């Protein structure tokens, strides 16, 4: 599992402060892949999200929900439903905006789950209550407490545009947390949660550029 630069820096800061490196947030990692879905009018209608959990957190999910039973397709579907239910009050860790103003989610479509090797994958589509033109659109996907770090996967096309007008392209802006944010993250142990503003400071921001 890759450890992004801000996290490596946080671990180093924890060591300099005399804290054990294992005390630093985050404690789990999710690799993201997202398809930005456009409707026939050229407006953004939703985000098709693919979350791939690290192996350690996968073990926790399997132990908590499957309780030693075989991971049949039906049981995986049930796990997906339970996770999405737990995330509902957190807007499914998905924040979208237009020109800086929040864009409300309309609902969740087709939640599903699968095992990919030793890693648990959660998939779903977050729709928007009001589809929006791409100008000024942005989204961020993050755990507000930063217990879990969520970054777009490395490699080809972690963000795809589906049905977009010709010439549109996505841009992923890497997080640039302050030293204060890094020290705050490094000071939290596994039993602590931060204030809910910490995760946003470590979130990637995706914008869409169209001609």
Protein backbone atom coordinates (compact mmCIF):
# COMPACT_ATOMS: atom_id res chain seq x y z
CA UNK A 1 0.00 0.00 0.00
CA UNK A 2 1.44 3.36 -1.01
CA UNK A 3 1.98 5.97 1.68
CA UNK A 4 1.46 9.47 0.22
CA UNK A 5 3.99 12.23 0.92
CA UNK A 6 1.82 14.12 3.46
CA UNK A 7 1.38 10.92 5.46
CA UNK A 8 5.10 10.09 5.39
CA UNK A 9 5.74 13.64 6.60
CA UNK A 10 3.18 13.17 9.37
CA UNK A 11 4.91 9.98 10.54
CA UNK A 12 8.25 11.79 10.59
CA UNK A 13 6.70 14.65 12.57
CA UNK A 14 5.28 12.15 15.08
CA UNK A 15 8.71 10.63 15.57
CA UNK A 16 10.27 14.07 16.12
CA UNK A 17 7.59 14.86 18.71
CA UNK A 18 8.41 11.67 20.59
CA UNK A 19 5.18 9.88 19.63
CA UNK A 20 5.11 6.34 18.36
CA UNK A 21 4.61 6.44 14.55
CA UNK A 22 1.67 4.02 14.83
CA UNK A 23 -0.22 6.73 16.71
CA UNK A 24 -0.56 8.97 13.67
CA UNK A 25 -3.73 9.29 11.64
CA UNK A 26 -4.69 7.89 9.17
CA UNK A 27 -5.09 4.24 10.14
CA UNK A 28 -6.59 2.94 6.90
CA UNK A 29 -6.35 3.69 3.20
CA UNK A 30 -8.78 3.58 0.31
CA UNK A 31 -7.81 3.82 -3.36
CA UNK A 32 -10.49 5.63 -5.36
CA UNK A 33 -11.63 5.38 -8.94
CA UNK A 34 -14.46 7.65 -10.07
CA UNK A 35 -16.53 7.95 -13.23
CA UNK A 36 -18.17 11.36 -13.60
CA UNK A 37 -21.52 10.70 -15.27
CA UNK A 38 -23.02 13.20 -17.73
CA UNK A 39 -26.63 13.15 -18.89
CA UNK A 40 -27.90 13.73 -22.45
CA UNK A 41 -27.99 17.49 -21.85
CA UNK A 42 -24.27 17.58 -21.06
CA UNK A 43 -24.84 18.10 -17.34
CA UNK A 44 -23.14 16.18 -14.54
CA UNK A 45 -25.71 13.81 -13.04
CA UNK A 46 -23.64 11.74 -10.60
CA UNK A 47 -20.43 10.05 -9.56
CA UNK A 48 -19.86 6.32 -9.98
CA UNK A 49 -17.43 5.51 -7.17
CA UNK A 50 -15.12 2.55 -6.63
CA UNK A 51 -13.47 2.26 -3.21
CA UNK A 52 -10.69 -0.32 -2.77
CA UNK A 53 -9.81 -0.84 0.92
CA UNK A 54 -6.38 -1.83 2.22
CA UNK A 55 -5.86 -5.42 3.35
CA UNK A 56 -5.89 -4.71 7.09
CA UNK A 57 -9.17 -2.81 6.99
CA UNK A 58 -10.53 -5.49 4.67
CA UNK A 59 -9.94 -8.04 7.44
CA UNK A 60 -11.83 -5.83 9.89
CA UNK A 61 -14.78 -5.48 7.48
CA UNK A 62 -14.93 -9.21 6.79
CA UNK A 63 -14.66 -10.14 10.48
CA UNK A 64 -17.28 -7.57 11.51
CA UNK A 65 -19.91 -8.29 8.90
CA UNK A 66 -19.33 -11.86 7.68
CA UNK A 67 -18.40 -13.28 11.11
CA UNK A 68 -16.58 -16.27 9.63
CA UNK A 69 -19.26 -17.15 7.09
CA UNK A 70 -18.45 -17.58 3.38
CA UNK A 71 -18.40 -14.37 1.35
CA UNK A 72 -21.16 -15.30 -1.07
CA UNK A 73 -22.45 -12.70 -3.56
CA UNK A 74 -25.56 -12.31 -1.41
CA UNK A 75 -23.51 -11.71 1.74
CA UNK A 76 -21.27 -9.20 -0.05
CA UNK A 77 -24.38 -7.37 -1.25
CA UNK A 78 -25.62 -7.26 2.33
CA UNK A 79 -22.29 -5.85 3.54
CA UNK A 80 -22.50 -3.12 0.89
CA UNK A 81 -26.00 -2.18 2.03
CA UNK A 82 -24.94 -2.00 5.68
CA UNK A 83 -21.88 0.15 4.93
CA UNK A 84 -23.92 2.54 2.80
CA UNK A 85 -26.48 2.79 5.60
CA UNK A 86 -23.73 3.69 8.06
CA UNK A 87 -22.33 6.34 5.70
CA UNK A 88 -25.67 8.00 4.91
CA UNK A 89 -25.43 10.58 7.67
CA UNK A 90 -21.95 11.49 6.40
CA UNK A 91 -23.14 12.07 2.80
CA UNK A 92 -21.22 8.93 1.84
CA UNK A 93 -17.94 10.84 2.32
CA UNK A 94 -18.77 12.63 -0.96
CA UNK A 95 -18.84 16.42 -1.24
CA UNK A 96 -19.66 18.20 -4.50
CA UNK A 97 -19.96 21.88 -5.24
CA UNK A 98 -20.59 24.37 -8.03
CA UNK A 99 -18.64 27.62 -7.85
CA UNK A 100 -17.98 26.83 -4.19
CA UNK A 101 -21.64 26.25 -3.29
CA UNK A 102 -22.64 22.75 -2.06
CA UNK A 103 -24.41 20.51 -4.56
CA UNK A 104 -26.92 18.25 -2.84
CA UNK A 105 -26.85 14.50 -3.33
CA UNK A 106 -30.02 12.96 -4.70
CA UNK A 107 -29.48 9.36 -3.62
CA UNK A 108 -27.37 6.23 -3.90
CA UNK A 109 -27.83 3.79 -6.78
CA UNK A 110 -26.58 0.22 -7.22
CA UNK A 111 -24.40 -0.32 -4.14
CA UNK A 112 -22.26 -3.43 -4.50
CA UNK A 113 -19.21 -5.17 -3.09
CA UNK A 114 -16.59 -7.68 -4.19
CA UNK A 115 -13.28 -9.13 -3.10
CA UNK A 116 -10.31 -8.29 -5.33
CA UNK A 117 -7.60 -10.59 -4.11
CA UNK A 118 -7.20 -9.77 -0.42
CA UNK A 119 -8.89 -6.37 -0.68
CA UNK A 120 -12.54 -5.39 -0.27
CA UNK A 121 -14.09 -3.20 -2.97
CA UNK A 122 -17.22 -1.11 -2.48
CA UNK A 123 -18.99 0.38 -5.50
CA UNK A 124 -21.97 2.71 -5.81
CA UNK A 125 -23.28 5.69 -7.75
CA UNK A 126 -24.00 8.97 -5.95
CA UNK A 127 -26.56 10.95 -7.92
CA UNK A 128 -27.18 14.69 -7.70
CA UNK A 129 -30.58 16.15 -6.89
CA UNK A 130 -30.04 18.75 -9.62
CA UNK A 131 -27.70 17.83 -12.51
CA UNK A 132 -25.30 20.67 -13.18
CA UNK A 133 -23.24 22.00 -16.09
CA UNK A 134 -19.55 21.17 -15.64
CA UNK A 135 -18.44 24.81 -15.32
CA UNK A 136 -17.43 25.44 -11.73
CA UNK A 137 -18.08 21.82 -10.68
CA UNK A 138 -15.79 20.16 -8.15
CA UNK A 139 -15.90 17.11 -5.89
CA UNK A 140 -13.95 15.75 -2.94
CA UNK A 141 -14.21 12.31 -1.37
CA UNK A 142 -12.84 12.02 2.16
CA UNK A 143 -13.39 10.79 5.70
CA UNK A 144 -13.98 14.01 7.67
CA UNK A 145 -12.10 12.64 10.71
CA UNK A 146 -9.12 11.52 8.58
CA UNK A 147 -9.16 8.09 10.25
CA UNK A 148 -9.21 6.78 6.67
CA UNK A 149 -7.17 8.43 3.93
CA UNK A 150 -8.92 8.36 0.56
CA UNK A 151 -6.89 9.18 -2.55
CA UNK A 152 -7.44 8.50 -6.22
CA UNK A 153 -5.59 5.40 -7.37
CA UNK A 154 -2.27 5.75 -9.09
CA UNK A 155 -2.09 4.75 -12.72
CA UNK A 156 -4.27 5.26 -15.75
CA UNK A 157 -7.59 7.13 -15.52
CA UNK A 158 -8.46 7.21 -11.82
CA UNK A 159 -11.10 9.73 -12.94
CA UNK A 160 -13.12 9.06 -16.10
CA UNK A 161 -15.73 11.22 -17.81
CA UNK A 162 -18.69 9.25 -19.15
CA UNK A 163 -20.93 10.91 -21.72
CA UNK A 164 -19.09 14.23 -21.43
CA UNK A 165 -19.04 16.83 -24.22
CA UNK A 166 -15.99 16.54 -26.44
CA UNK A 167 -12.87 18.17 -25.06
CA UNK A 168 -13.75 17.94 -21.36
CA UNK A 169 -10.97 16.76 -19.06
CA UNK A 170 -10.69 16.12 -15.31
CA UNK A 171 -8.01 17.58 -13.05
CA UNK A 172 -7.00 16.08 -9.69
CA UNK A 173 -5.47 18.62 -7.29
CA UNK A 174 -3.30 17.02 -4.63
CA UNK A 175 -3.83 18.06 -1.00
CA UNK A 176 -1.48 20.61 0.50
CA UNK A 177 -2.03 20.40 4.28
CA UNK A 178 -0.38 22.90 6.56
CA UNK A 179 2.22 21.88 9.14
CA UNK A 180 -0.43 22.49 11.80
CA UNK A 181 -2.76 19.97 10.13
CA UNK A 182 0.02 17.41 9.82
CA UNK A 183 0.94 17.75 13.49
CA UNK A 184 -2.74 17.48 14.48
CA UNK A 185 -3.05 14.26 12.50
CA UNK A 186 0.15 12.84 13.97
CA UNK A 187 -1.04 13.46 17.52
CA UNK A 188 -4.18 11.28 17.28
CA UNK A 189 -3.98 7.63 18.25
CA UNK A 190 -6.21 4.84 16.97
CA UNK A 191 -8.83 5.35 19.67
CA UNK A 192 -9.24 9.05 18.97
CA UNK A 193 -11.23 10.88 16.33
CA UNK A 194 -10.33 14.35 15.20
CA UNK A 195 -12.63 17.26 14.69
CA UNK A 196 -14.54 16.69 11.45
CA UNK A 197 -12.61 19.41 9.63
CA UNK A 198 -9.30 17.54 9.53
CA UNK A 199 -10.08 15.14 6.68
CA UNK A 200 -10.90 17.93 4.24
CA UNK A 201 -7.38 19.32 4.64
CA UNK A 202 -5.96 16.03 3.28
CA UNK A 203 -8.52 15.58 0.50
CA UNK A 204 -7.89 15.70 -3.22
CA UNK A 205 -10.10 18.10 -5.19
CA UNK A 206 -11.30 17.15 -8.68
CA UNK A 207 -12.48 19.75 -11.17
CA UNK A 208 -13.71 19.42 -14.75
CA UNK A 209 -12.49 21.63 -17.60
CA UNK A 210 -14.59 21.91 -20.76
CA UNK A 211 -14.10 24.07 -23.88
